[in-house]
């Protein structure tokens, strides 16, 4: 894996610094899914729908997602 640098607001930086390793890995996955799915041709909503569909196919339910986000 390679590292990248992006500009974010201070509150985003603080939140990322406080995130658990698992949360950071999940964010990395989301960024990878967004940038790796022909993102130039899609808007964010379309990419989020693709991510959602893939998560559902892997067994993620709304209940599991809710428990992960709490």
PDB file of N, CA and C in Angstrom:
ATOM      1  N   UNK A   1       0.833  -1.180   0.000  1.00  0.00           N
ATOM      2  CA  UNK A   1       0.000   0.000   0.000  1.00  0.00           C
ATOM      3  C   UNK A   1       0.874   1.238   0.000  1.00  0.00           C
ATOM      4  N   UNK A   2       0.327   2.281  -0.583  1.00  0.00           N
ATOM      5  CA  UNK A   2       1.001   3.570  -0.629  1.00  0.00           C
ATOM      6  C   UNK A   2       0.223   4.582   0.204  1.00  0.00           C
ATOM      7  N   UNK A   3       0.897   5.599   0.670  1.00  0.00           N
ATOM      8  CA  UNK A   3       0.239   6.670   1.406  1.00  0.00           C
ATOM      9  C   UNK A   3       0.005   7.851   0.481  1.00  0.00           C
ATOM     10  N   UNK A   4      -1.089   8.597   0.753  1.00  0.00           N
ATOM     11  CA  UNK A   4      -1.370   9.824   0.028  1.00  0.00           C
ATOM     12  C   UNK A   4      -1.628  10.928   1.049  1.00  0.00           C
ATOM     13  N   UNK A   5      -1.577  12.145   0.598  1.00  0.00           N
ATOM     14  CA  UNK A   5      -1.862  13.288   1.453  1.00  0.00           C
ATOM     15  C   UNK A   5      -3.016  14.067   0.842  1.00  0.00           C
ATOM     16  N   UNK A   6      -4.003  14.397   1.692  1.00  0.00           N
ATOM     17  CA  UNK A   6      -5.123  15.209   1.231  1.00  0.00           C
ATOM     18  C   UNK A   6      -5.336  16.344   2.225  1.00  0.00           C
ATOM     19  N   UNK A   7      -5.913  17.440   1.747  1.00  0.00           N
ATOM     20  CA  UNK A   7      -6.220  18.565   2.617  1.00  0.00           C
ATOM     21  C   UNK A   7      -7.608  18.373   3.212  1.00  0.00           C
ATOM     22  N   UNK A   8      -7.718  18.563   4.535  1.00  0.00           N
ATOM     23  CA  UNK A   8      -8.998  18.442   5.240  1.00  0.00           C
ATOM     24  C   UNK A   8      -9.093  19.554   6.286  1.00  0.00           C
ATOM     25  N   UNK A   9     -10.297  19.784   6.778  1.00  0.00           N
ATOM     26  CA  UNK A   9     -10.504  20.741   7.860  1.00  0.00           C
ATOM     27  C   UNK A   9      -9.888  20.204   9.150  1.00  0.00           C
ATOM     28  N   UNK A  10      -9.660  21.097  10.090  1.00  0.00           N
ATOM     29  CA  UNK A  10      -9.061  20.709  11.372  1.00  0.00           C
ATOM     30  C   UNK A  10      -9.882  19.656  12.101  1.00  0.00           C
ATOM     31  N   UNK A  11     -11.224  19.794  12.065  1.00  0.00           N
ATOM     32  CA  UNK A  11     -12.063  18.818  12.782  1.00  0.00           C
ATOM     33  C   UNK A  11     -11.968  17.430  12.165  1.00  0.00           C
ATOM     34  N   UNK A  12     -11.772  17.349  10.848  1.00  0.00           N
ATOM     35  CA  UNK A  12     -11.604  16.055  10.188  1.00  0.00           C
ATOM     36  C   UNK A  12     -10.261  15.455  10.583  1.00  0.00           C
ATOM     37  N   UNK A  13      -9.234  16.272  10.626  1.00  0.00           N
ATOM     38  CA  UNK A  13      -7.915  15.796  11.034  1.00  0.00           C
ATOM     39  C   UNK A  13      -7.957  15.230  12.454  1.00  0.00           C
ATOM     40  N   UNK A  14      -8.608  15.954  13.359  1.00  0.00           N
ATOM     41  CA  UNK A  14      -8.707  15.496  14.751  1.00  0.00           C
ATOM     42  C   UNK A  14      -9.479  14.186  14.843  1.00  0.00           C
ATOM     43  N   UNK A  15     -10.586  14.104  14.116  1.00  0.00           N
ATOM     44  CA  UNK A  15     -11.385  12.876  14.134  1.00  0.00           C
ATOM     45  C   UNK A  15     -10.574  11.695  13.622  1.00  0.00           C
ATOM     46  N   UNK A  16      -9.809  11.916  12.556  1.00  0.00           N
ATOM     47  CA  UNK A  16      -8.989  10.834  12.007  1.00  0.00           C
ATOM     48  C   UNK A  16      -7.917  10.406  13.004  1.00  0.00           C
ATOM     49  N   UNK A  17      -7.300  11.368  13.658  1.00  0.00           N
ATOM     50  CA  UNK A  17      -6.261  11.044  14.633  1.00  0.00           C
ATOM     51  C   UNK A  17      -6.821  10.244  15.803  1.00  0.00           C
ATOM     52  N   UNK A  18      -8.090  10.469  16.149  1.00  0.00           N
ATOM     53  CA  UNK A  18      -8.719   9.750  17.256  1.00  0.00           C
ATOM     54  C   UNK A  18      -9.339   8.415  16.835  1.00  0.00           C
ATOM     55  N   UNK A  19      -9.418   8.177  15.550  1.00  0.00           N
ATOM     56  CA  UNK A  19     -10.044   6.948  15.043  1.00  0.00           C
ATOM     57  C   UNK A  19      -9.214   5.723  15.398  1.00  0.00           C
ATOM     58  N   UNK A  20      -9.915   4.621  15.558  1.00  0.00           N
ATOM     59  CA  UNK A  20      -9.247   3.347  15.838  1.00  0.00           C
ATOM     60  C   UNK A  20      -8.582   2.840  14.564  1.00  0.00           C
ATOM     61  N   UNK A  21      -7.642   1.905  14.696  1.00  0.00           N
ATOM     62  CA  UNK A  21      -7.045   1.316  13.492  1.00  0.00           C
ATOM     63  C   UNK A  21      -8.097   0.708  12.555  1.00  0.00           C
ATOM     64  N   UNK A  22      -9.128   0.097  13.129  1.00  0.00           N
ATOM     65  CA  UNK A  22     -10.181  -0.491  12.302  1.00  0.00           C
ATOM     66  C   UNK A  22     -10.936   0.596  11.540  1.00  0.00           C
ATOM     67  N   UNK A  23     -11.241   1.704  12.194  1.00  0.00           N
ATOM     68  CA  UNK A  23     -11.938   2.796  11.522  1.00  0.00           C
ATOM     69  C   UNK A  23     -11.077   3.382  10.403  1.00  0.00           C
ATOM     70  N   UNK A  24      -9.782   3.494  10.656  1.00  0.00           N
ATOM     71  CA  UNK A  24      -8.885   4.009   9.624  1.00  0.00           C
ATOM     72  C   UNK A  24      -8.825   3.053   8.432  1.00  0.00           C
ATOM     73  N   UNK A  25      -8.836   1.765   8.691  1.00  0.00           N
ATOM     74  CA  UNK A  25      -8.829   0.771   7.623  1.00  0.00           C
ATOM     75  C   UNK A  25     -10.115   0.852   6.816  1.00  0.00           C
ATOM     76  N   UNK A  26     -11.251   1.029   7.501  1.00  0.00           N
ATOM     77  CA  UNK A  26     -12.526   1.145   6.813  1.00  0.00           C
ATOM     78  C   UNK A  26     -12.557   2.389   5.936  1.00  0.00           C
ATOM     79  N   UNK A  27     -12.012   3.484   6.426  1.00  0.00           N
ATOM     80  CA  UNK A  27     -11.943   4.705   5.625  1.00  0.00           C
ATOM     81  C   UNK A  27     -11.056   4.489   4.400  1.00  0.00           C
ATOM     82  N   UNK A  28      -9.962   3.798   4.587  1.00  0.00           N
ATOM     83  CA  UNK A  28      -9.085   3.486   3.468  1.00  0.00           C
ATOM     84  C   UNK A  28      -9.829   2.674   2.408  1.00  0.00           C
ATOM     85  N   UNK A  29     -10.647   1.718   2.871  1.00  0.00           N
ATOM     86  CA  UNK A  29     -11.445   0.908   1.952  1.00  0.00           C
ATOM     87  C   UNK A  29     -12.433   1.786   1.179  1.00  0.00           C
ATOM     88  N   UNK A  30     -13.098   2.701   1.889  1.00  0.00           N
ATOM     89  CA  UNK A  30     -14.065   3.572   1.221  1.00  0.00           C
ATOM     90  C   UNK A  30     -13.407   4.460   0.181  1.00  0.00           C
ATOM     91  N   UNK A  31     -12.262   5.012   0.521  1.00  0.00           N
ATOM     92  CA  UNK A  31     -11.547   5.855  -0.433  1.00  0.00           C
ATOM     93  C   UNK A  31     -11.110   5.016  -1.632  1.00  0.00           C
ATOM     94  N   UNK A  32     -10.620   3.817  -1.363  1.00  0.00           N
ATOM     95  CA  UNK A  32     -10.217   2.931  -2.452  1.00  0.00           C
ATOM     96  C   UNK A  32     -11.378   2.563  -3.349  1.00  0.00           C
ATOM     97  N   UNK A  33     -12.532   2.295  -2.736  1.00  0.00           N
ATOM     98  CA  UNK A  33     -13.714   1.949  -3.524  1.00  0.00           C
ATOM     99  C   UNK A  33     -14.158   3.143  -4.366  1.00  0.00           C
ATOM    100  N   UNK A  34     -14.069   4.325  -3.779  1.00  0.00           N
ATOM    101  CA  UNK A  34     -14.475   5.531  -4.510  1.00  0.00           C
ATOM    102  C   UNK A  34     -13.537   5.815  -5.673  1.00  0.00           C
ATOM    103  N   UNK A  35     -12.260   5.817  -5.412  1.00  0.00           N
ATOM    104  CA  UNK A  35     -11.292   6.152  -6.465  1.00  0.00           C
ATOM    105  C   UNK A  35     -11.045   5.010  -7.426  1.00  0.00           C
ATOM    106  N   UNK A  36     -11.342   3.800  -7.018  1.00  0.00           N
ATOM    107  CA  UNK A  36     -11.068   2.652  -7.866  1.00  0.00           C
ATOM    108  C   UNK A  36     -12.242   2.186  -8.693  1.00  0.00           C
ATOM    109  N   UNK A  37     -13.339   2.922  -8.690  1.00  0.00           N
ATOM    110  CA  UNK A  37     -14.531   2.447  -9.394  1.00  0.00           C
ATOM    111  C   UNK A  37     -14.944   3.408 -10.513  1.00  0.00           C
ATOM    112  N   UNK A  38     -14.003   3.739 -11.361  1.00  0.00           N
ATOM    113  CA  UNK A  38     -14.263   4.665 -12.470  1.00  0.00           C
ATOM    114  C   UNK A  38     -14.924   5.932 -11.946  1.00  0.00           C
ATOM    115  N   UNK A  39     -14.403   6.448 -10.864  1.00  0.00           N
ATOM    116  CA  UNK A  39     -15.011   7.588 -10.186  1.00  0.00           C
ATOM    117  C   UNK A  39     -15.089   8.837 -11.043  1.00  0.00           C
ATOM    118  N   UNK A  40     -14.230   8.937 -12.044  1.00  0.00           N
ATOM    119  CA  UNK A  40     -14.279  10.120 -12.900  1.00  0.00           C
ATOM    120  C   UNK A  40     -15.611  10.208 -13.641  1.00  0.00           C
ATOM    121  N   UNK A  41     -16.231   9.054 -13.847  1.00  0.00           N
ATOM    122  CA  UNK A  41     -17.461   8.992 -14.622  1.00  0.00           C
ATOM    123  C   UNK A  41     -18.704   8.938 -13.743  1.00  0.00           C
ATOM    124  N   UNK A  42     -18.541   8.947 -12.424  1.00  0.00           N
ATOM    125  CA  UNK A  42     -19.671   8.796 -11.515  1.00  0.00           C
ATOM    126  C   UNK A  42     -19.664   9.920 -10.492  1.00  0.00           C
ATOM    127  N   UNK A  43     -20.857  10.238  -9.988  1.00  0.00           N
ATOM    128  CA  UNK A  43     -20.903  11.183  -8.892  1.00  0.00           C
ATOM    129  C   UNK A  43     -20.818  10.404  -7.572  1.00  0.00           C
ATOM    130  N   UNK A  44     -20.691  11.115  -6.479  1.00  0.00           N
ATOM    131  CA  UNK A  44     -20.502  10.473  -5.182  1.00  0.00           C
ATOM    132  C   UNK A  44     -21.662   9.554  -4.825  1.00  0.00           C
ATOM    133  N   UNK A  45     -22.893   9.951  -5.124  1.00  0.00           N
ATOM    134  CA  UNK A  45     -24.064   9.128  -4.801  1.00  0.00           C
ATOM    135  C   UNK A  45     -23.989   7.785  -5.526  1.00  0.00           C
ATOM    136  N   UNK A  46     -23.611   7.801  -6.783  1.00  0.00           N
ATOM    137  CA  UNK A  46     -23.493   6.556  -7.547  1.00  0.00           C
ATOM    138  C   UNK A  46     -22.429   5.644  -6.944  1.00  0.00           C
ATOM    139  N   UNK A  47     -21.310   6.212  -6.553  1.00  0.00           N
ATOM    140  CA  UNK A  47     -20.243   5.416  -5.950  1.00  0.00           C
ATOM    141  C   UNK A  47     -20.702   4.856  -4.605  1.00  0.00           C
ATOM    142  N   UNK A  48     -21.416   5.668  -3.824  1.00  0.00           N
ATOM    143  CA  UNK A  48     -21.922   5.184  -2.536  1.00  0.00           C
ATOM    144  C   UNK A  48     -22.910   4.035  -2.738  1.00  0.00           C
ATOM    145  N   UNK A  49     -23.717   4.101  -3.773  1.00  0.00           N
ATOM    146  CA  UNK A  49     -24.643   3.000  -4.072  1.00  0.00           C
ATOM    147  C   UNK A  49     -23.882   1.728  -4.432  1.00  0.00           C
ATOM    148  N   UNK A  50     -22.804   1.856  -5.183  1.00  0.00           N
ATOM    149  CA  UNK A  50     -21.974   0.699  -5.531  1.00  0.00           C
ATOM    150  C   UNK A  50     -21.381   0.092  -4.259  1.00  0.00           C
ATOM    151  N   UNK A  51     -20.859   0.945  -3.388  1.00  0.00           N
ATOM    152  CA  UNK A  51     -20.283   0.469  -2.128  1.00  0.00           C
ATOM    153  C   UNK A  51     -21.352  -0.229  -1.299  1.00  0.00           C
ATOM    154  N   UNK A  52     -22.533   0.358  -1.234  1.00  0.00           N
ATOM    155  CA  UNK A  52     -23.635  -0.237  -0.473  1.00  0.00           C
ATOM    156  C   UNK A  52     -24.017  -1.611  -1.031  1.00  0.00           C
ATOM    157  N   UNK A  53     -24.137  -1.696  -2.344  1.00  0.00           N
ATOM    158  CA  UNK A  53     -24.473  -2.975  -2.972  1.00  0.00           C
ATOM    159  C   UNK A  53     -23.424  -4.034  -2.666  1.00  0.00           C
ATOM    160  N   UNK A  54     -22.147  -3.658  -2.750  1.00  0.00           N
ATOM    161  CA  UNK A  54     -21.069  -4.602  -2.457  1.00  0.00           C
ATOM    162  C   UNK A  54     -21.109  -5.045  -0.993  1.00  0.00           C
ATOM    163  N   UNK A  55     -21.399  -4.110  -0.094  1.00  0.00           N
ATOM    164  CA  UNK A  55     -21.473  -4.448   1.332  1.00  0.00           C
ATOM    165  C   UNK A  55     -22.621  -5.422   1.591  1.00  0.00           C
ATOM    166  N   UNK A  56     -23.769  -5.180   0.967  1.00  0.00           N
ATOM    167  CA  UNK A  56     -24.906  -6.078   1.139  1.00  0.00           C
ATOM    168  C   UNK A  56     -24.591  -7.473   0.612  1.00  0.00           C
ATOM    169  N   UNK A  57     -23.908  -7.552  -0.519  1.00  0.00           N
ATOM    170  CA  UNK A  57     -23.537  -8.853  -1.078  1.00  0.00           C
ATOM    171  C   UNK A  57     -22.605  -9.614  -0.146  1.00  0.00           C
ATOM    172  N   UNK A  58     -21.827  -8.877   0.653  1.00  0.00           N
ATOM    173  CA  UNK A  58     -20.905  -9.500   1.598  1.00  0.00           C
ATOM    174  C   UNK A  58     -21.549  -9.763   2.951  1.00  0.00           C
ATOM    175  N   UNK A  59     -22.842  -9.461   3.080  1.00  0.00           N
ATOM    176  CA  UNK A  59     -23.562  -9.799   4.305  1.00  0.00           C
ATOM    177  C   UNK A  59     -23.777  -8.659   5.285  1.00  0.00           C
ATOM    178  N   UNK A  60     -23.424  -7.449   4.908  1.00  0.00           N
ATOM    179  CA  UNK A  60     -23.635  -6.328   5.813  1.00  0.00           C
ATOM    180  C   UNK A  60     -25.107  -5.939   5.795  1.00  0.00           C
ATOM    181  N   UNK A  61     -25.715  -5.958   6.966  1.00  0.00           N
ATOM    182  CA  UNK A  61     -27.115  -5.572   7.090  1.00  0.00           C
ATOM    183  C   UNK A  61     -27.180  -4.188   7.744  1.00  0.00           C
ATOM    184  N   UNK A  62     -28.330  -3.515   7.643  1.00  0.00           N
ATOM    185  CA  UNK A  62     -28.470  -2.224   8.336  1.00  0.00           C
ATOM    186  C   UNK A  62     -28.222  -2.337   9.844  1.00  0.00           C
ATOM    187  N   UNK A  63     -28.612  -3.454  10.425  1.00  0.00           N
ATOM    188  CA  UNK A  63     -28.416  -3.663  11.851  1.00  0.00           C
ATOM    189  C   UNK A  63     -26.917  -3.776  12.203  1.00  0.00           C
ATOM    190  N   UNK A  64     -26.184  -4.520  11.400  1.00  0.00           N
ATOM    191  CA  UNK A  64     -24.746  -4.651  11.632  1.00  0.00           C
ATOM    192  C   UNK A  64     -24.063  -3.303  11.446  1.00  0.00           C
ATOM    193  N   UNK A  65     -24.431  -2.584  10.403  1.00  0.00           N
ATOM    194  CA  UNK A  65     -23.851  -1.273  10.153  1.00  0.00           C
ATOM    195  C   UNK A  65     -24.116  -0.339  11.337  1.00  0.00           C
ATOM    196  N   UNK A  66     -25.344  -0.350  11.822  1.00  0.00           N
ATOM    197  CA  UNK A  66     -25.699   0.497  12.956  1.00  0.00           C
ATOM    198  C   UNK A  66     -24.851   0.164  14.170  1.00  0.00           C
ATOM    199  N   UNK A  67     -24.658  -1.121  14.444  1.00  0.00           N
ATOM    200  CA  UNK A  67     -23.855  -1.511  15.613  1.00  0.00           C
ATOM    201  C   UNK A  67     -22.398  -1.118  15.432  1.00  0.00           C
ATOM    202  N   UNK A  68     -21.896  -1.127  14.206  1.00  0.00           N
ATOM    203  CA  UNK A  68     -20.509  -0.725  13.952  1.00  0.00           C
ATOM    204  C   UNK A  68     -20.309   0.770  14.123  1.00  0.00           C
ATOM    205  N   UNK A  69     -21.342   1.539  13.821  1.00  0.00           N
ATOM    206  CA  UNK A  69     -21.226   2.989  13.871  1.00  0.00           C
ATOM    207  C   UNK A  69     -21.422   3.569  15.259  1.00  0.00           C
ATOM    208  N   UNK A  70     -21.921   2.759  16.177  1.00  0.00           N
ATOM    209  CA  UNK A  70     -22.135   3.263  17.552  1.00  0.00           C
ATOM    210  C   UNK A  70     -20.915   3.170  18.399  1.00  0.00           C
TER     211      UNK A  70
END
